[in-house]
Structure formats: structure tokens, C-alpha cells
Amino acid sequence: MPKKIIATAEAPQAIGPYSQAVQAGPYLFLSGQIALDPKSGEVVAGGVEEQTRRVMQNLQGVLSAAGTSLGAVVKCTIYLKSMADFVKVNEIYGSCFDESPPARATVEVSCLPKNVLVEIDAIAYLE
């Protein structure tokens, strides 16, 4: 089964040798998104709340390009520069999933690309 590369201008272009997402069979593997504005390529202004909102919008942009939405997400990993931001990120993240939220792991990391505060990757199931 061949893989299909998903690319869209509705999310930041890859800043390295990776794809925004790869579909393999009924699964869509989304690369980690950080708080880059897709139009300017710059990190959004503000703190972890603004960054988390942009990250979720970027994930939705990639999902839309694949013909689906956040409702298809079955697993996410959240990478935080500081676990002290967990409550703020969790509130915004949780508001993006209406009913059955995906499985998730959250970890604190020492540094993220472009020195952002949060990064989120995802796996979606395409029915």
C-alpha cells in the first residue's frame, strides 16, 4: 500500500526534511505542529495560550487538506517547554474536541523548534 503525502498552505510549510502529514492506509500521521503562522512563517505573538490555539489551527489545516477534521484524531502527543503550562494548554486543547477526545500523552521537553512553548503531533483514523 503506497503512502500519500499531505501538504497544505493552511499550515506552516515544513522547516526540515519531513511532510506535514503522511497517509498510510486508513491512518493519517501528522507531524508536530508549532505556533507558526502559515502566511508569515513567524511564531505567533503572545504566550502559551495563543501558541496552543495556533497549533490546533495548524493541525486542523492539515486535517482539512486530508479531507477530515479533529474528530478523526485518535492519538496526540503534547510537548511542553514547561509543565507549569499544562492547565492552560489542557483547557484550550480540550475545547477542540467535542465528545470522545483522543488518547494522549503530555511530556515536558528542554527545548522546541524556534523556542516555542508547545508542539503537538497527532494520528487520525480515516474511515
C-alpha atoms as a PDB file:
ATOM      1  CA  MET A   1       0.000   0.000   0.000  1.00  0.00           C
ATOM      2  CA  PRO A   2       1.624   3.286  -1.063  1.00  0.00           C
ATOM      3  CA  LYS A   3       1.825   6.228   1.273  1.00  0.00           C
ATOM      4  CA  LYS A   4       0.268   9.554   0.347  1.00  0.00           C
ATOM      5  CA  ILE A   5       1.872  12.866   1.299  1.00  0.00           C
ATOM      6  CA  ILE A   6      -0.490  15.587   2.554  1.00  0.00           C
ATOM      7  CA  ALA A   7       0.549  19.210   2.066  1.00  0.00           C
ATOM      8  CA  THR A   8      -1.364  22.453   2.508  1.00  0.00           C
ATOM      9  CA  ALA A   9      -0.829  26.196   2.713  1.00  0.00           C
ATOM     10  CA  GLU A  10      -3.288  26.196   5.662  1.00  0.00           C
ATOM     11  CA  ALA A  11      -0.441  25.110   7.952  1.00  0.00           C
ATOM     12  CA  PRO A  12       3.206  26.153   8.075  1.00  0.00           C
ATOM     13  CA  GLN A  13       5.487  24.626   5.484  1.00  0.00           C
ATOM     14  CA  ALA A  14       7.893  22.014   6.822  1.00  0.00           C
ATOM     15  CA  ILE A  15      11.091  23.553   8.205  1.00  0.00           C
ATOM     16  CA  GLY A  16      13.040  20.351   7.665  1.00  0.00           C
ATOM     17  CA  PRO A  17      13.034  17.103   5.714  1.00  0.00           C
ATOM     18  CA  TYR A  18       9.544  15.928   6.689  1.00  0.00           C
ATOM     19  CA  SER A  19       5.962  16.081   5.440  1.00  0.00           C
ATOM     20  CA  GLN A  20       3.105  17.908   7.132  1.00  0.00           C
ATOM     21  CA  ALA A  21       1.305  14.541   7.173  1.00  0.00           C
ATOM     22  CA  VAL A  22       1.526  11.100   5.640  1.00  0.00           C
ATOM     23  CA  GLN A  23      -1.467   8.862   4.958  1.00  0.00           C
ATOM     24  CA  ALA A  24      -0.812   5.133   5.163  1.00  0.00           C
ATOM     25  CA  GLY A  25      -3.946   3.082   4.633  1.00  0.00           C
ATOM     26  CA  PRO A  26      -6.710   4.392   6.878  1.00  0.00           C
ATOM     27  CA  TYR A  27      -4.255   6.227   9.148  1.00  0.00           C
ATOM     28  CA  LEU A  28      -3.002   9.787   8.884  1.00  0.00           C
ATOM     29  CA  PHE A  29       0.205  10.635  10.733  1.00  0.00           C
ATOM     30  CA  LEU A  30       0.531  14.375  11.359  1.00  0.00           C
ATOM     31  CA  SER A  31       3.935  15.869  12.064  1.00  0.00           C
ATOM     32  CA  GLY A  32       4.290  18.009  15.140  1.00  0.00           C
ATOM     33  CA  GLN A  33       2.880  21.486  14.711  1.00  0.00           C
ATOM     34  CA  ILE A  34       4.279  24.534  16.432  1.00  0.00           C
ATOM     35  CA  ALA A  35       2.847  28.038  16.669  1.00  0.00           C
ATOM     36  CA  LEU A  36       3.952  29.301  13.268  1.00  0.00           C
ATOM     37  CA  ASP A  37       1.591  31.484  11.291  1.00  0.00           C
ATOM     38  CA  PRO A  38       1.181  29.727   7.913  1.00  0.00           C
ATOM     39  CA  LYS A  39       1.251  33.004   5.977  1.00  0.00           C
ATOM     40  CA  SER A  40       4.234  34.740   7.595  1.00  0.00           C
ATOM     41  CA  GLY A  41       6.155  31.688   8.809  1.00  0.00           C
ATOM     42  CA  GLU A  42       6.740  33.521  12.094  1.00  0.00           C
ATOM     43  CA  VAL A  43       5.922  32.401  15.640  1.00  0.00           C
ATOM     44  CA  VAL A  44       2.640  33.977  16.767  1.00  0.00           C
ATOM     45  CA  ALA A  45       2.842  36.721  19.363  1.00  0.00           C
ATOM     46  CA  GLY A  46       1.715  36.021  22.905  1.00  0.00           C
ATOM     47  CA  GLY A  47       2.111  33.269  25.418  1.00  0.00           C
ATOM     48  CA  VAL A  48       1.264  29.602  25.631  1.00  0.00           C
ATOM     49  CA  GLU A  49      -2.479  30.187  25.130  1.00  0.00           C
ATOM     50  CA  GLU A  50      -2.005  31.952  21.787  1.00  0.00           C
ATOM     51  CA  GLN A  51       0.574  29.384  20.751  1.00  0.00           C
ATOM     52  CA  THR A  52      -1.720  26.471  21.611  1.00  0.00           C
ATOM     53  CA  ARG A  53      -4.595  27.982  19.634  1.00  0.00           C
ATOM     54  CA  ARG A  54      -2.324  28.401  16.590  1.00  0.00           C
ATOM     55  CA  VAL A  55      -1.016  24.842  16.937  1.00  0.00           C
ATOM     56  CA  MET A  56      -4.562  23.467  16.963  1.00  0.00           C
ATOM     57  CA  GLN A  57      -5.479  25.611  13.935  1.00  0.00           C
ATOM     58  CA  ASN A  58      -2.414  24.304  12.116  1.00  0.00           C
ATOM     59  CA  LEU A  59      -3.369  20.702  12.898  1.00  0.00           C
ATOM     60  CA  GLN A  60      -6.903  21.385  11.638  1.00  0.00           C
ATOM     61  CA  GLY A  61      -5.471  22.872   8.446  1.00  0.00           C
ATOM     62  CA  VAL A  62      -3.541  19.679   7.720  1.00  0.00           C
ATOM     63  CA  LEU A  63      -6.529  17.502   8.625  1.00  0.00           C
ATOM     64  CA  SER A  64      -8.758  19.544   6.295  1.00  0.00           C
ATOM     65  CA  ALA A  65      -6.280  19.020   3.454  1.00  0.00           C
ATOM     66  CA  ALA A  66      -6.703  15.287   4.031  1.00  0.00           C
ATOM     67  CA  GLY A  67     -10.489  15.630   3.956  1.00  0.00           C
ATOM     68  CA  THR A  68     -11.101  15.181   7.669  1.00  0.00           C
ATOM     69  CA  SER A  69     -11.200  17.063  10.975  1.00  0.00           C
ATOM     70  CA  LEU A  70     -10.071  16.961  14.595  1.00  0.00           C
ATOM     71  CA  GLY A  71     -12.909  14.495  15.232  1.00  0.00           C
ATOM     72  CA  ALA A  72     -10.898  11.817  13.409  1.00  0.00           C
ATOM     73  CA  VAL A  73      -7.874  12.180  15.704  1.00  0.00           C
ATOM     74  CA  VAL A  74      -7.225   9.053  17.778  1.00  0.00           C
ATOM     75  CA  LYS A  75      -3.886   9.948  19.428  1.00  0.00           C
ATOM     76  CA  CYS A  76      -1.944  13.122  20.226  1.00  0.00           C
ATOM     77  CA  THR A  77       1.322  13.866  21.925  1.00  0.00           C
ATOM     78  CA  ILE A  78       1.789  17.272  23.522  1.00  0.00           C
ATOM     79  CA  TYR A  79       5.321  18.532  24.083  1.00  0.00           C
ATOM     80  CA  LEU A  80       5.583  21.386  26.603  1.00  0.00           C
ATOM     81  CA  LYS A  81       8.601  23.522  27.366  1.00  0.00           C
ATOM     82  CA  SER A  82       7.220  23.798  30.918  1.00  0.00           C
ATOM     83  CA  MET A  83       4.746  21.519  32.656  1.00  0.00           C
ATOM     84  CA  ALA A  84       3.650  24.657  34.538  1.00  0.00           C
ATOM     85  CA  ASP A  85       1.668  25.469  31.359  1.00  0.00           C
ATOM     86  CA  PHE A  86      -0.246  22.161  31.469  1.00  0.00           C
ATOM     87  CA  VAL A  87      -3.548  23.586  32.790  1.00  0.00           C
ATOM     88  CA  LYS A  88      -3.665  26.415  30.211  1.00  0.00           C
ATOM     89  CA  VAL A  89      -2.781  24.122  27.307  1.00  0.00           C
ATOM     90  CA  ASN A  90      -5.165  21.408  28.501  1.00  0.00           C
ATOM     91  CA  GLU A  91      -8.099  23.841  28.600  1.00  0.00           C
ATOM     92  CA  ILE A  92      -7.566  25.059  25.032  1.00  0.00           C
ATOM     93  CA  TYR A  93      -6.720  21.591  23.702  1.00  0.00           C
ATOM     94  CA  GLY A  94      -9.809  20.098  25.385  1.00  0.00           C
ATOM     95  CA  SER A  95     -12.100  22.727  23.872  1.00  0.00           C
ATOM     96  CA  CYS A  96     -11.125  21.463  20.398  1.00  0.00           C
ATOM     97  CA  PHE A  97     -12.611  18.001  20.965  1.00  0.00           C
ATOM     98  CA  ASP A  98     -16.384  17.876  21.425  1.00  0.00           C
ATOM     99  CA  GLU A  99     -17.103  14.396  22.638  1.00  0.00           C
ATOM    100  CA  SER A 100     -14.768  11.420  22.537  1.00  0.00           C
ATOM    101  CA  PRO A 101     -11.305  13.017  22.895  1.00  0.00           C
ATOM    102  CA  PRO A 102      -8.293  11.115  21.548  1.00  0.00           C
ATOM    103  CA  ALA A 103      -5.751   9.199  23.583  1.00  0.00           C
ATOM    104  CA  ARG A 104      -2.899  11.468  24.624  1.00  0.00           C
ATOM    105  CA  ALA A 105       0.498  11.776  26.211  1.00  0.00           C
ATOM    106  CA  THR A 106       1.963  15.035  27.525  1.00  0.00           C
ATOM    107  CA  VAL A 107       5.665  15.453  28.195  1.00  0.00           C
ATOM    108  CA  GLU A 108       7.944  18.282  29.226  1.00  0.00           C
ATOM    109  CA  VAL A 109      10.948  18.841  26.975  1.00  0.00           C
ATOM    110  CA  SER A 110      14.002  21.066  27.358  1.00  0.00           C
ATOM    111  CA  CYS A 111      13.656  22.868  24.022  1.00  0.00           C
ATOM    112  CA  LEU A 112      11.373  23.005  20.977  1.00  0.00           C
ATOM    113  CA  PRO A 113      11.935  24.319  17.441  1.00  0.00           C
ATOM    114  CA  LYS A 114      12.029  28.130  17.186  1.00  0.00           C
ATOM    115  CA  ASN A 115      11.992  28.144  21.020  1.00  0.00           C
ATOM    116  CA  VAL A 116       8.181  27.791  21.110  1.00  0.00           C
ATOM    117  CA  LEU A 117       6.341  26.743  24.253  1.00  0.00           C
ATOM    118  CA  VAL A 118       4.222  23.903  22.835  1.00  0.00           C
ATOM    119  CA  GLU A 119       4.219  21.366  19.997  1.00  0.00           C
ATOM    120  CA  ILE A 120       1.528  18.794  19.230  1.00  0.00           C
ATOM    121  CA  ASP A 121       1.534  15.847  16.830  1.00  0.00           C
ATOM    122  CA  ALA A 122      -1.389  13.561  16.018  1.00  0.00           C
ATOM    123  CA  ILE A 123      -2.598  10.364  14.440  1.00  0.00           C
ATOM    124  CA  ALA A 124      -6.028  10.286  12.797  1.00  0.00           C
ATOM    125  CA  TYR A 125      -8.130   7.365  11.582  1.00  0.00           C
ATOM    126  CA  LEU A 126      -9.777   7.959   8.220  1.00  0.00           C
ATOM    127  CA  GLU A 127     -12.966   5.941   7.921  1.00  0.00           C
END
